[in-house]
Amino acid sequence: MNLARRTMNNPAFALLYERAWRPTSFWLATGRTMTADRRYAVRALRLRPGDRVLDIACGPGNFTHHLSAHVGSGYAVGIDFSVPMLRRAVVDNAGSRVGYVRGDARRLPFADGSFDAVCCFGALYLIPDPLLAAAEMIRVLAPGGRIAISTSHTPEGVLGQVSRLVGGAGGLRVFDLDTFPKLLAEHGLTDIDQQVHGLMQYVGATRAHE
């Protein structure tokens, strides 16, 4: 287990993650607040009453809980590999329309087409075999559903070279800008949208009706 994944499994870090680490680090990386990212998530997923939402690598559940408030009679499920993170989620972000599951993003314990919206915000660069995890997200997405991710990207020039070296040393992957749009298109998704904010890319797409 690399340094980044060991850190995510540390109980002390789980306590600080959404309170301090993530808001600060993401603002430095993107210039965006967590409130702005949550609003983006709701827009990108085009949430409707009754939707079933899956939040991959949910951490302590802040995004999961926020999404559950936008689906009416639907529900949101957060899945994460870290037990300390899930314990924080249950304490800090429980609700009548939200639940949490421990599992591996590369082998999601859900049937094909189980969810109307699937997302992964700020975590694919931590997951071993991230493209396999992205393919699993598509597998469990229902026809007509939306997928949304935010993850790292490689800037041009020296900054890109440095980000790859620093990220690699800490166990963080840095992706080319065409990696996820290409993957989504190859799996038949349409309406692909990509935004770049600082060192992060935000990608959304729709699974076609069958």
N, C-alpha and C. Protein backbone atom coordinates (compact mmCIF):
# COMPACT_ATOMS: atom_id res chain seq x y z
N MET A 1 0.85 -1.19 0.00
CA MET A 1 0.00 0.00 0.00
C MET A 1 0.89 1.24 0.00
N ASN A 2 0.65 2.16 -0.95
CA ASN A 2 1.51 3.33 -1.06
C ASN A 2 1.18 4.36 0.03
N LEU A 3 1.98 5.43 0.06
CA LEU A 3 1.85 6.44 1.11
C LEU A 3 0.46 7.08 1.10
N ALA A 4 -0.04 7.40 -0.06
CA ALA A 4 -1.34 8.07 -0.14
C ALA A 4 -2.45 7.19 0.43
N ARG A 5 -2.45 5.91 0.07
CA ARG A 5 -3.50 5.01 0.56
C ARG A 5 -3.34 4.73 2.05
N ARG A 6 -2.10 4.65 2.54
CA ARG A 6 -1.90 4.48 3.98
C ARG A 6 -2.45 5.68 4.74
N THR A 7 -2.24 6.86 4.19
CA THR A 7 -2.74 8.07 4.84
C THR A 7 -4.26 8.05 4.91
N MET A 8 -4.92 7.65 3.82
CA MET A 8 -6.38 7.61 3.80
C MET A 8 -6.95 6.60 4.78
N ASN A 9 -6.17 5.63 5.17
CA ASN A 9 -6.62 4.62 6.13
C ASN A 9 -6.23 4.95 7.56
N ASN A 10 -5.71 6.15 7.78
CA ASN A 10 -5.31 6.58 9.12
C ASN A 10 -6.50 7.24 9.82
N PRO A 11 -6.91 6.75 11.00
CA PRO A 11 -8.08 7.31 11.70
C PRO A 11 -7.95 8.80 11.99
N ALA A 12 -6.76 9.28 12.35
CA ALA A 12 -6.57 10.70 12.64
C ALA A 12 -6.78 11.54 11.39
N PHE A 13 -6.29 11.03 10.24
CA PHE A 13 -6.47 11.77 9.00
C PHE A 13 -7.94 11.79 8.59
N ALA A 14 -8.65 10.70 8.83
CA ALA A 14 -10.08 10.66 8.50
C ALA A 14 -10.84 11.76 9.24
N LEU A 15 -10.42 12.04 10.46
CA LEU A 15 -11.08 13.09 11.25
C LEU A 15 -10.83 14.46 10.65
N LEU A 16 -9.62 14.70 10.12
CA LEU A 16 -9.23 16.01 9.62
C LEU A 16 -9.54 16.22 8.14
N TYR A 17 -9.82 15.14 7.42
CA TYR A 17 -9.84 15.19 5.96
C TYR A 17 -10.80 16.25 5.42
N GLU A 18 -12.09 16.12 5.69
CA GLU A 18 -13.06 17.08 5.16
C GLU A 18 -13.08 18.39 5.94
N ARG A 19 -12.62 18.37 7.18
CA ARG A 19 -12.62 19.59 7.98
C ARG A 19 -11.50 20.56 7.57
N ALA A 20 -10.37 20.03 7.15
CA ALA A 20 -9.24 20.92 6.87
C ALA A 20 -8.46 20.54 5.62
N TRP A 21 -8.05 19.26 5.50
CA TRP A 21 -7.15 18.88 4.43
C TRP A 21 -7.76 19.08 3.04
N ARG A 22 -8.93 18.50 2.82
CA ARG A 22 -9.50 18.57 1.47
C ARG A 22 -9.88 20.00 1.07
N PRO A 23 -10.57 20.78 1.91
CA PRO A 23 -10.88 22.15 1.49
C PRO A 23 -9.64 22.97 1.14
N THR A 24 -8.59 22.82 1.94
CA THR A 24 -7.37 23.60 1.71
C THR A 24 -6.63 23.13 0.47
N SER A 25 -6.41 21.82 0.37
CA SER A 25 -5.63 21.29 -0.75
C SER A 25 -6.33 21.49 -2.08
N PHE A 26 -7.66 21.33 -2.10
CA PHE A 26 -8.38 21.49 -3.37
C PHE A 26 -8.46 22.96 -3.77
N TRP A 27 -8.56 23.86 -2.79
CA TRP A 27 -8.56 25.28 -3.14
C TRP A 27 -7.21 25.66 -3.74
N LEU A 28 -6.13 25.15 -3.17
CA LEU A 28 -4.81 25.44 -3.71
C LEU A 28 -4.64 24.85 -5.11
N ALA A 29 -5.23 23.67 -5.34
CA ALA A 29 -5.06 22.98 -6.63
C ALA A 29 -5.96 23.55 -7.71
N THR A 30 -7.14 24.07 -7.32
CA THR A 30 -8.14 24.45 -8.33
C THR A 30 -8.63 25.88 -8.23
N GLY A 31 -8.46 26.53 -7.08
CA GLY A 31 -9.04 27.84 -6.88
C GLY A 31 -10.54 27.78 -6.62
N ARG A 32 -11.06 26.59 -6.34
CA ARG A 32 -12.50 26.39 -6.13
C ARG A 32 -12.74 25.95 -4.68
N THR A 33 -13.86 26.38 -4.14
CA THR A 33 -14.25 25.95 -2.80
C THR A 33 -14.96 24.61 -2.86
N MET A 34 -15.11 23.95 -1.71
CA MET A 34 -15.85 22.70 -1.66
C MET A 34 -17.31 22.93 -1.99
N THR A 35 -17.84 24.09 -1.61
CA THR A 35 -19.23 24.40 -1.97
C THR A 35 -19.40 24.44 -3.48
N ALA A 36 -18.46 25.04 -4.18
CA ALA A 36 -18.52 25.09 -5.64
C ALA A 36 -18.45 23.70 -6.25
N ASP A 37 -17.61 22.84 -5.69
CA ASP A 37 -17.49 21.48 -6.21
C ASP A 37 -18.78 20.68 -5.98
N ARG A 38 -19.42 20.88 -4.84
CA ARG A 38 -20.67 20.16 -4.58
C ARG A 38 -21.77 20.64 -5.52
N ARG A 39 -21.81 21.94 -5.78
CA ARG A 39 -22.78 22.45 -6.74
C ARG A 39 -22.52 21.88 -8.13
N TYR A 40 -21.24 21.79 -8.49
CA TYR A 40 -20.90 21.18 -9.78
C TYR A 40 -21.40 19.75 -9.84
N ALA A 41 -21.23 19.00 -8.76
CA ALA A 41 -21.65 17.60 -8.74
C ALA A 41 -23.13 17.47 -9.03
N VAL A 42 -23.94 18.29 -8.40
CA VAL A 42 -25.39 18.23 -8.61
C VAL A 42 -25.73 18.57 -10.06
N ARG A 43 -25.08 19.60 -10.61
CA ARG A 43 -25.35 19.99 -12.00
C ARG A 43 -24.88 18.93 -12.98
N ALA A 44 -23.65 18.44 -12.78
CA ALA A 44 -23.08 17.48 -13.72
C ALA A 44 -23.86 16.18 -13.76
N LEU A 45 -24.37 15.75 -12.60
CA LEU A 45 -25.13 14.50 -12.53
C LEU A 45 -26.59 14.68 -12.92
N ARG A 46 -27.04 15.94 -13.03
CA ARG A 46 -28.43 16.25 -13.43
C ARG A 46 -29.42 15.48 -12.57
N LEU A 47 -29.26 15.61 -11.28
CA LEU A 47 -30.06 14.82 -10.34
C LEU A 47 -31.53 15.18 -10.40
N ARG A 48 -32.36 14.14 -10.27
CA ARG A 48 -33.81 14.28 -10.30
C ARG A 48 -34.40 13.52 -9.12
N PRO A 49 -35.63 13.88 -8.72
CA PRO A 49 -36.29 13.13 -7.66
C PRO A 49 -36.38 11.64 -8.00
N GLY A 50 -36.03 10.82 -7.04
CA GLY A 50 -36.08 9.37 -7.24
C GLY A 50 -34.80 8.74 -7.73
N ASP A 51 -33.80 9.56 -8.05
CA ASP A 51 -32.54 9.00 -8.56
C ASP A 51 -31.81 8.19 -7.50
N ARG A 52 -31.11 7.17 -7.98
CA ARG A 52 -30.21 6.35 -7.17
C ARG A 52 -28.79 6.77 -7.51
N VAL A 53 -28.05 7.22 -6.50
CA VAL A 53 -26.72 7.80 -6.73
C VAL A 53 -25.66 6.96 -6.03
N LEU A 54 -24.54 6.75 -6.72
CA LEU A 54 -23.40 6.06 -6.13
C LEU A 54 -22.20 7.00 -6.12
N ASP A 55 -21.61 7.18 -4.94
CA ASP A 55 -20.44 8.04 -4.75
C ASP A 55 -19.24 7.15 -4.47
N ILE A 56 -18.34 7.04 -5.45
CA ILE A 56 -17.16 6.18 -5.35
C ILE A 56 -16.07 6.87 -4.54
N ALA A 57 -15.42 6.09 -3.64
CA ALA A 57 -14.37 6.63 -2.78
C ALA A 57 -14.91 7.83 -2.02
N CYS A 58 -15.98 7.60 -1.30
CA CYS A 58 -16.76 8.67 -0.67
C CYS A 58 -16.08 9.31 0.51
N GLY A 59 -15.02 8.69 1.07
CA GLY A 59 -14.38 9.25 2.24
C GLY A 59 -15.36 9.37 3.39
N PRO A 60 -15.35 10.50 4.10
CA PRO A 60 -16.25 10.67 5.24
C PRO A 60 -17.66 11.10 4.86
N GLY A 61 -18.00 11.03 3.58
CA GLY A 61 -19.40 11.13 3.18
C GLY A 61 -19.97 12.50 2.96
N ASN A 62 -19.16 13.55 2.92
CA ASN A 62 -19.71 14.89 2.76
C ASN A 62 -20.42 15.08 1.42
N PHE A 63 -19.81 14.60 0.33
CA PHE A 63 -20.45 14.67 -0.97
C PHE A 63 -21.68 13.76 -1.00
N THR A 64 -21.55 12.57 -0.47
CA THR A 64 -22.66 11.60 -0.50
C THR A 64 -23.90 12.19 0.17
N HIS A 65 -23.71 12.74 1.35
CA HIS A 65 -24.83 13.31 2.09
C HIS A 65 -25.44 14.49 1.32
N HIS A 66 -24.60 15.33 0.74
CA HIS A 66 -25.09 16.47 -0.03
C HIS A 66 -25.92 16.00 -1.22
N LEU A 67 -25.45 14.98 -1.92
CA LEU A 67 -26.18 14.49 -3.08
C LEU A 67 -27.52 13.88 -2.68
N SER A 68 -27.58 13.24 -1.52
CA SER A 68 -28.82 12.62 -1.07
C SER A 68 -29.93 13.64 -0.85
N ALA A 69 -29.55 14.88 -0.61
CA ALA A 69 -30.54 15.93 -0.37
C ALA A 69 -31.17 16.44 -1.66
N HIS A 70 -30.68 15.94 -2.82
CA HIS A 70 -31.17 16.43 -4.11
C HIS A 70 -31.89 15.37 -4.92
N VAL A 71 -32.27 14.26 -4.29
CA VAL A 71 -32.90 13.17 -5.05
C VAL A 71 -34.30 12.82 -4.53
N GLY A 72 -34.87 13.65 -3.68
CA GLY A 72 -36.23 13.41 -3.22
C GLY A 72 -36.38 12.06 -2.56
N SER A 73 -37.21 11.22 -3.15
CA SER A 73 -37.45 9.87 -2.62
C SER A 73 -36.37 8.88 -3.00
N GLY A 74 -35.36 9.33 -3.74
CA GLY A 74 -34.25 8.45 -4.10
C GLY A 74 -33.28 8.30 -2.95
N TYR A 75 -32.05 7.89 -3.27
CA TYR A 75 -31.06 7.69 -2.21
C TYR A 75 -29.66 7.79 -2.79
N ALA A 76 -28.70 7.98 -1.90
CA ALA A 76 -27.29 8.01 -2.28
C ALA A 76 -26.52 6.98 -1.47
N VAL A 77 -25.62 6.27 -2.14
CA VAL A 77 -24.77 5.27 -1.50
C VAL A 77 -23.32 5.70 -1.67
N GLY A 78 -22.59 5.73 -0.56
CA GLY A 78 -21.17 6.00 -0.62
C GLY A 78 -20.39 4.71 -0.40
N ILE A 79 -19.37 4.49 -1.22
CA ILE A 79 -18.53 3.30 -1.07
C ILE A 79 -17.08 3.73 -0.94
N ASP A 80 -16.37 3.10 -0.01
CA ASP A 80 -14.97 3.44 0.22
C ASP A 80 -14.26 2.20 0.76
N PHE A 81 -12.94 2.15 0.54
CA PHE A 81 -12.15 1.03 1.04
C PHE A 81 -11.67 1.25 2.47
N SER A 82 -11.64 2.52 2.89
CA SER A 82 -11.08 2.88 4.19
C SER A 82 -12.11 2.75 5.31
N VAL A 83 -11.85 1.90 6.27
CA VAL A 83 -12.75 1.75 7.41
C VAL A 83 -12.81 3.03 8.24
N PRO A 84 -11.67 3.69 8.56
CA PRO A 84 -11.76 4.94 9.31
C PRO A 84 -12.60 6.01 8.62
N MET A 85 -12.48 6.11 7.29
CA MET A 85 -13.28 7.09 6.56
C MET A 85 -14.77 6.76 6.68
N LEU A 86 -15.13 5.51 6.54
CA LEU A 86 -16.53 5.11 6.62
C LEU A 86 -17.09 5.32 8.03
N ARG A 87 -16.27 5.11 9.04
CA ARG A 87 -16.72 5.38 10.41
C ARG A 87 -17.05 6.84 10.58
N ARG A 88 -16.21 7.73 10.02
CA ARG A 88 -16.51 9.15 10.08
C ARG A 88 -17.78 9.47 9.31
N ALA A 89 -17.98 8.81 8.17
CA ALA A 89 -19.18 9.05 7.37
C ALA A 89 -20.44 8.73 8.17
N VAL A 90 -20.42 7.62 8.87
CA VAL A 90 -21.60 7.21 9.65
C VAL A 90 -21.85 8.20 10.79
N VAL A 91 -20.79 8.71 11.40
CA VAL A 91 -20.95 9.65 12.51
C VAL A 91 -21.37 11.03 12.01
N ASP A 92 -20.72 11.51 10.94
CA ASP A 92 -20.90 12.90 10.51
C ASP A 92 -21.94 13.10 9.42
N ASN A 93 -22.21 12.08 8.62
CA ASN A 93 -23.03 12.28 7.42
C ASN A 93 -24.07 11.19 7.21
N ALA A 94 -24.67 10.75 8.29
CA ALA A 94 -25.78 9.80 8.19
C ALA A 94 -27.04 10.54 7.74
N GLY A 95 -28.04 9.79 7.30
CA GLY A 95 -29.31 10.38 6.89
C GLY A 95 -30.28 9.32 6.43
N SER A 96 -31.52 9.69 6.31
CA SER A 96 -32.55 8.72 5.94
C SER A 96 -32.44 8.27 4.49
N ARG A 97 -31.74 9.06 3.66
CA ARG A 97 -31.62 8.73 2.24
C ARG A 97 -30.17 8.48 1.83
N VAL A 98 -29.34 8.10 2.80
CA VAL A 98 -27.93 7.87 2.50
C VAL A 98 -27.45 6.63 3.25
N GLY A 99 -26.56 5.87 2.61
CA GLY A 99 -25.98 4.69 3.23
C GLY A 99 -24.54 4.52 2.77
N TYR A 100 -23.77 3.71 3.52
CA TYR A 100 -22.36 3.54 3.23
C TYR A 100 -21.99 2.06 3.19
N VAL A 101 -21.07 1.73 2.27
CA VAL A 101 -20.65 0.36 2.02
C VAL A 101 -19.14 0.33 1.92
N ARG A 102 -18.52 -0.67 2.51
CA ARG A 102 -17.08 -0.85 2.30
C ARG A 102 -16.89 -1.75 1.08
N GLY A 103 -16.03 -1.32 0.17
CA GLY A 103 -15.80 -2.12 -1.02
C GLY A 103 -14.66 -1.56 -1.86
N ASP A 104 -14.32 -2.30 -2.89
CA ASP A 104 -13.22 -1.99 -3.80
C ASP A 104 -13.81 -1.38 -5.07
N ALA A 105 -13.36 -0.18 -5.43
CA ALA A 105 -13.87 0.50 -6.62
C ALA A 105 -13.60 -0.28 -7.90
N ARG A 106 -12.65 -1.20 -7.86
CA ARG A 106 -12.33 -1.98 -9.06
C ARG A 106 -13.25 -3.19 -9.22
N ARG A 107 -14.00 -3.50 -8.17
CA ARG A 107 -14.94 -4.64 -8.20
C ARG A 107 -16.18 -4.25 -7.41
N LEU A 108 -16.97 -3.38 -7.98
CA LEU A 108 -18.12 -2.84 -7.26
C LEU A 108 -19.15 -3.93 -6.98
N PRO A 109 -19.66 -4.02 -5.75
CA PRO A 109 -20.59 -5.09 -5.37
C PRO A 109 -22.04 -4.77 -5.74
N PHE A 110 -22.24 -4.31 -6.99
CA PHE A 110 -23.57 -3.93 -7.44
C PHE A 110 -23.81 -4.50 -8.84
N ALA A 111 -25.07 -4.77 -9.14
CA ALA A 111 -25.43 -5.30 -10.44
C ALA A 111 -25.31 -4.23 -11.53
N ASP A 112 -25.24 -4.69 -12.77
CA ASP A 112 -25.20 -3.77 -13.91
C ASP A 112 -26.40 -2.82 -13.85
N GLY A 113 -26.16 -1.55 -14.16
CA GLY A 113 -27.26 -0.59 -14.27
C GLY A 113 -27.99 -0.29 -12.99
N SER A 114 -27.33 -0.41 -11.84
CA SER A 114 -28.01 -0.24 -10.55
C SER A 114 -28.27 1.22 -10.18
N PHE A 115 -27.56 2.17 -10.82
CA PHE A 115 -27.63 3.56 -10.36
C PHE A 115 -27.92 4.51 -11.53
N ASP A 116 -28.66 5.57 -11.21
CA ASP A 116 -28.98 6.60 -12.21
C ASP A 116 -27.89 7.64 -12.32
N ALA A 117 -27.03 7.72 -11.33
CA ALA A 117 -25.92 8.67 -11.34
C ALA A 117 -24.76 8.06 -10.56
N VAL A 118 -23.55 8.17 -11.13
CA VAL A 118 -22.36 7.62 -10.48
C VAL A 118 -21.26 8.67 -10.54
N CYS A 119 -20.58 8.88 -9.41
CA CYS A 119 -19.55 9.91 -9.39
C CYS A 119 -18.34 9.46 -8.60
N CYS A 120 -17.23 10.14 -8.86
CA CYS A 120 -16.00 9.93 -8.09
C CYS A 120 -15.24 11.25 -8.11
N PHE A 121 -15.22 11.93 -6.99
CA PHE A 121 -14.63 13.26 -6.93
C PHE A 121 -13.34 13.24 -6.11
N GLY A 122 -12.24 13.55 -6.78
CA GLY A 122 -10.96 13.68 -6.10
C GLY A 122 -10.43 12.39 -5.52
N ALA A 123 -10.53 11.28 -6.28
CA ALA A 123 -10.06 10.02 -5.72
C ALA A 123 -9.49 9.05 -6.74
N LEU A 124 -9.82 9.18 -8.02
CA LEU A 124 -9.34 8.20 -8.99
C LEU A 124 -7.82 8.12 -9.03
N TYR A 125 -7.15 9.23 -8.73
CA TYR A 125 -5.69 9.21 -8.75
C TYR A 125 -5.09 8.42 -7.60
N LEU A 126 -5.93 8.03 -6.62
CA LEU A 126 -5.47 7.21 -5.50
C LEU A 126 -5.70 5.72 -5.71
N ILE A 127 -6.61 5.38 -6.62
CA ILE A 127 -7.08 4.01 -6.77
C ILE A 127 -6.13 3.22 -7.69
N PRO A 128 -5.65 2.05 -7.26
CA PRO A 128 -4.91 1.20 -8.19
C PRO A 128 -5.80 0.82 -9.38
N ASP A 129 -5.27 0.76 -10.56
CA ASP A 129 -6.05 0.46 -11.77
C ASP A 129 -7.23 1.42 -11.91
N PRO A 130 -6.98 2.73 -12.00
CA PRO A 130 -8.08 3.70 -12.05
C PRO A 130 -8.97 3.54 -13.29
N LEU A 131 -8.42 3.09 -14.39
CA LEU A 131 -9.25 2.91 -15.59
C LEU A 131 -10.21 1.74 -15.41
N LEU A 132 -9.78 0.72 -14.67
CA LEU A 132 -10.69 -0.38 -14.34
C LEU A 132 -11.81 0.13 -13.44
N ALA A 133 -11.47 0.98 -12.48
CA ALA A 133 -12.48 1.56 -11.61
C ALA A 133 -13.47 2.40 -12.41
N ALA A 134 -12.97 3.16 -13.38
CA ALA A 134 -13.86 3.97 -14.22
C ALA A 134 -14.79 3.07 -15.05
N ALA A 135 -14.26 1.96 -15.55
CA ALA A 135 -15.10 1.02 -16.31
C ALA A 135 -16.18 0.42 -15.42
N GLU A 136 -15.86 0.16 -14.15
CA GLU A 136 -16.86 -0.35 -13.21
C GLU A 136 -17.94 0.70 -12.96
N MET A 137 -17.55 1.96 -12.88
CA MET A 137 -18.54 3.02 -12.73
C MET A 137 -19.54 3.01 -13.89
N ILE A 138 -19.03 2.82 -15.08
CA ILE A 138 -19.89 2.77 -16.26
C ILE A 138 -20.79 1.54 -16.22
N ARG A 139 -20.25 0.41 -15.78
CA ARG A 139 -21.03 -0.84 -15.73
C ARG A 139 -22.26 -0.71 -14.86
N VAL A 140 -22.13 -0.05 -13.70
CA VAL A 140 -23.26 0.03 -12.77
C VAL A 140 -24.18 1.21 -13.07
N LEU A 141 -23.87 1.99 -14.10
CA LEU A 141 -24.68 3.14 -14.48
C LEU A 141 -25.83 2.69 -15.39
N ALA A 142 -27.04 3.11 -15.05
CA ALA A 142 -28.22 2.74 -15.84
C ALA A 142 -28.24 3.50 -17.16
N PRO A 143 -28.85 2.95 -18.20
CA PRO A 143 -29.02 3.68 -19.45
C PRO A 143 -29.71 5.02 -19.21
N GLY A 144 -29.18 6.07 -19.82
CA GLY A 144 -29.70 7.40 -19.63
C GLY A 144 -29.13 8.11 -18.42
N GLY A 145 -28.31 7.41 -17.62
CA GLY A 145 -27.74 7.98 -16.41
C GLY A 145 -26.51 8.81 -16.69
N ARG A 146 -26.11 9.57 -15.67
CA ARG A 146 -24.96 10.46 -15.79
C ARG A 146 -23.81 9.99 -14.92
N ILE A 147 -22.59 10.19 -15.42
CA ILE A 147 -21.38 9.92 -14.68
C ILE A 147 -20.60 11.22 -14.56
N ALA A 148 -19.94 11.43 -13.42
CA ALA A 148 -19.14 12.64 -13.24
C ALA A 148 -17.93 12.32 -12.39
N ILE A 149 -16.79 12.85 -12.79
CA ILE A 149 -15.56 12.64 -12.03
C ILE A 149 -14.79 13.95 -11.93
N SER A 150 -13.98 14.07 -10.89
CA SER A 150 -12.93 15.08 -10.87
C SER A 150 -11.65 14.35 -10.48
N THR A 151 -10.59 14.67 -11.20
CA THR A 151 -9.31 14.01 -10.93
C THR A 151 -8.18 14.88 -11.44
N SER A 152 -6.97 14.42 -11.26
CA SER A 152 -5.79 15.18 -11.65
C SER A 152 -5.63 15.23 -13.16
N HIS A 153 -4.82 16.18 -13.61
CA HIS A 153 -4.41 16.19 -15.02
C HIS A 153 -2.99 16.70 -15.10
N THR A 154 -2.34 16.42 -16.21
CA THR A 154 -0.95 16.83 -16.41
C THR A 154 -0.90 18.19 -17.10
N PRO A 155 -0.46 19.24 -16.40
CA PRO A 155 -0.30 20.53 -17.07
C PRO A 155 0.83 20.46 -18.10
N GLU A 156 0.86 21.42 -18.98
CA GLU A 156 1.92 21.46 -19.99
C GLU A 156 3.23 21.94 -19.37
N GLY A 157 4.32 21.55 -19.99
CA GLY A 157 5.62 22.06 -19.64
C GLY A 157 6.21 21.49 -18.37
N VAL A 158 7.05 22.30 -17.74
CA VAL A 158 7.79 21.86 -16.56
C VAL A 158 6.85 21.50 -15.42
N LEU A 159 5.77 22.27 -15.25
CA LEU A 159 4.83 22.00 -14.16
C LEU A 159 4.25 20.59 -14.29
N GLY A 160 3.97 20.17 -15.51
CA GLY A 160 3.45 18.83 -15.72
C GLY A 160 4.47 17.76 -15.36
N GLN A 161 5.72 17.98 -15.73
CA GLN A 161 6.77 17.02 -15.38
C GLN A 161 6.96 16.92 -13.88
N VAL A 162 6.92 18.07 -13.21
CA VAL A 162 7.08 18.08 -11.75
C VAL A 162 5.90 17.39 -11.07
N SER A 163 4.68 17.65 -11.57
CA SER A 163 3.50 17.05 -10.94
C SER A 163 3.53 15.53 -11.07
N ARG A 164 4.02 15.02 -12.18
CA ARG A 164 4.13 13.57 -12.34
C ARG A 164 5.15 12.99 -11.36
N LEU A 165 6.28 13.66 -11.21
CA LEU A 165 7.32 13.17 -10.31
C LEU A 165 6.87 13.21 -8.86
N VAL A 166 6.30 14.34 -8.45
CA VAL A 166 5.86 14.49 -7.07
C VAL A 166 4.69 13.55 -6.77
N GLY A 167 3.74 13.50 -7.69
CA GLY A 167 2.61 12.62 -7.50
C GLY A 167 3.02 11.16 -7.43
N GLY A 168 3.90 10.76 -8.33
CA GLY A 168 4.35 9.38 -8.34
C GLY A 168 5.06 8.99 -7.06
N ALA A 169 5.83 9.91 -6.50
CA ALA A 169 6.56 9.61 -5.26
C ALA A 169 5.59 9.38 -4.11
N GLY A 170 4.44 10.06 -4.13
CA GLY A 170 3.47 9.91 -3.05
C GLY A 170 2.36 8.91 -3.34
N GLY A 171 2.40 8.29 -4.52
CA GLY A 171 1.36 7.33 -4.87
C GLY A 171 0.16 7.93 -5.55
N LEU A 172 0.29 9.16 -6.08
CA LEU A 172 -0.81 9.83 -6.77
C LEU A 172 -0.56 9.79 -8.28
N ARG A 173 -1.56 9.40 -9.04
CA ARG A 173 -1.43 9.36 -10.49
C ARG A 173 -1.85 10.71 -11.08
N VAL A 174 -1.21 11.07 -12.18
CA VAL A 174 -1.55 12.29 -12.89
C VAL A 174 -1.90 11.89 -14.33
N PHE A 175 -3.09 12.29 -14.80
CA PHE A 175 -3.63 11.78 -16.06
C PHE A 175 -3.54 12.82 -17.17
N ASP A 176 -3.41 12.34 -18.41
CA ASP A 176 -3.52 13.20 -19.58
C ASP A 176 -4.97 13.67 -19.72
N LEU A 177 -5.16 14.79 -20.40
CA LEU A 177 -6.50 15.34 -20.52
C LEU A 177 -7.42 14.49 -21.40
N ASP A 178 -6.85 13.69 -22.29
CA ASP A 178 -7.72 12.88 -23.16
C ASP A 178 -8.05 11.51 -22.58
N THR A 179 -7.48 11.16 -21.42
CA THR A 179 -7.64 9.80 -20.88
C THR A 179 -9.11 9.46 -20.63
N PHE A 180 -9.80 10.28 -19.87
CA PHE A 180 -11.16 9.93 -19.49
C PHE A 180 -12.20 10.24 -20.55
N PRO A 181 -12.12 11.37 -21.28
CA PRO A 181 -13.04 11.53 -22.40
C PRO A 181 -12.95 10.38 -23.41
N LYS A 182 -11.73 9.93 -23.68
CA LYS A 182 -11.54 8.81 -24.62
C LYS A 182 -12.14 7.53 -24.07
N LEU A 183 -11.90 7.24 -22.79
CA LEU A 183 -12.44 6.03 -22.18
C LEU A 183 -13.97 6.04 -22.20
N LEU A 184 -14.57 7.16 -21.84
CA LEU A 184 -16.02 7.26 -21.82
C LEU A 184 -16.60 7.08 -23.22
N ALA A 185 -15.97 7.69 -24.21
CA ALA A 185 -16.45 7.54 -25.58
C ALA A 185 -16.33 6.10 -26.07
N GLU A 186 -15.24 5.44 -25.70
CA GLU A 186 -15.05 4.04 -26.11
C GLU A 186 -16.12 3.13 -25.51
N HIS A 187 -16.66 3.50 -24.36
CA HIS A 187 -17.73 2.71 -23.73
C HIS A 187 -19.12 3.17 -24.17
N GLY A 188 -19.17 4.03 -25.19
CA GLY A 188 -20.45 4.43 -25.76
C GLY A 188 -21.15 5.58 -25.07
N LEU A 189 -20.48 6.25 -24.12
CA LEU A 189 -21.12 7.39 -23.48
C LEU A 189 -21.08 8.61 -24.38
N THR A 190 -22.04 9.49 -24.20
CA THR A 190 -22.18 10.66 -25.05
C THR A 190 -22.29 11.91 -24.18
N ASP A 191 -22.48 13.05 -24.85
CA ASP A 191 -22.66 14.32 -24.14
C ASP A 191 -21.50 14.53 -23.16
N ILE A 192 -20.29 14.26 -23.62
CA ILE A 192 -19.10 14.34 -22.77
C ILE A 192 -18.68 15.80 -22.60
N ASP A 193 -18.52 16.21 -21.37
CA ASP A 193 -18.12 17.57 -21.05
C ASP A 193 -16.87 17.53 -20.17
N GLN A 194 -15.91 18.38 -20.48
CA GLN A 194 -14.68 18.43 -19.69
C GLN A 194 -14.34 19.88 -19.36
N GLN A 195 -14.03 20.11 -18.09
CA GLN A 195 -13.57 21.42 -17.64
C GLN A 195 -12.23 21.23 -16.93
N VAL A 196 -11.38 22.23 -17.02
CA VAL A 196 -10.10 22.20 -16.33
C VAL A 196 -10.04 23.39 -15.38
N HIS A 197 -9.75 23.09 -14.13
CA HIS A 197 -9.56 24.13 -13.12
C HIS A 197 -8.23 23.86 -12.41
N GLY A 198 -7.26 24.66 -12.71
CA GLY A 198 -5.96 24.48 -12.09
C GLY A 198 -5.35 23.13 -12.42
N LEU A 199 -5.07 22.34 -11.38
CA LEU A 199 -4.45 21.04 -11.56
C LEU A 199 -5.46 19.90 -11.64
N MET A 200 -6.75 20.23 -11.72
CA MET A 200 -7.79 19.20 -11.74
C MET A 200 -8.62 19.30 -13.01
N GLN A 201 -9.12 18.15 -13.45
CA GLN A 201 -10.07 18.09 -14.56
C GLN A 201 -11.40 17.55 -14.05
N TYR A 202 -12.48 18.06 -14.61
CA TYR A 202 -13.84 17.65 -14.26
C TYR A 202 -14.50 17.14 -15.53
N VAL A 203 -14.98 15.90 -15.50
CA VAL A 203 -15.52 15.27 -16.70
C VAL A 203 -16.88 14.66 -16.38
N GLY A 204 -17.86 14.95 -17.25
CA GLY A 204 -19.19 14.36 -17.11
C GLY A 204 -19.62 13.76 -18.44
N ALA A 205 -20.52 12.78 -18.39
CA ALA A 205 -20.99 12.13 -19.61
C ALA A 205 -22.31 11.40 -19.33
N THR A 206 -23.01 11.03 -20.38
CA THR A 206 -24.30 10.33 -20.29
C THR A 206 -24.20 8.97 -20.93
N ARG A 207 -24.75 7.96 -20.26
CA ARG A 207 -24.84 6.64 -20.87
C ARG A 207 -26.08 6.58 -21.74
N ALA A 208 -25.89 6.19 -23.01
CA ALA A 208 -26.99 6.20 -23.97
C ALA A 208 -28.07 5.21 -23.56
N HIS A 209 -29.33 5.53 -23.94
CA HIS A 209 -30.42 4.59 -23.74
C HIS A 209 -30.22 3.40 -24.67
N GLU A 210 -30.52 2.20 -24.18
CA GLU A 210 -30.31 1.00 -25.00
C GLU A 210 -31.62 0.58 -25.67
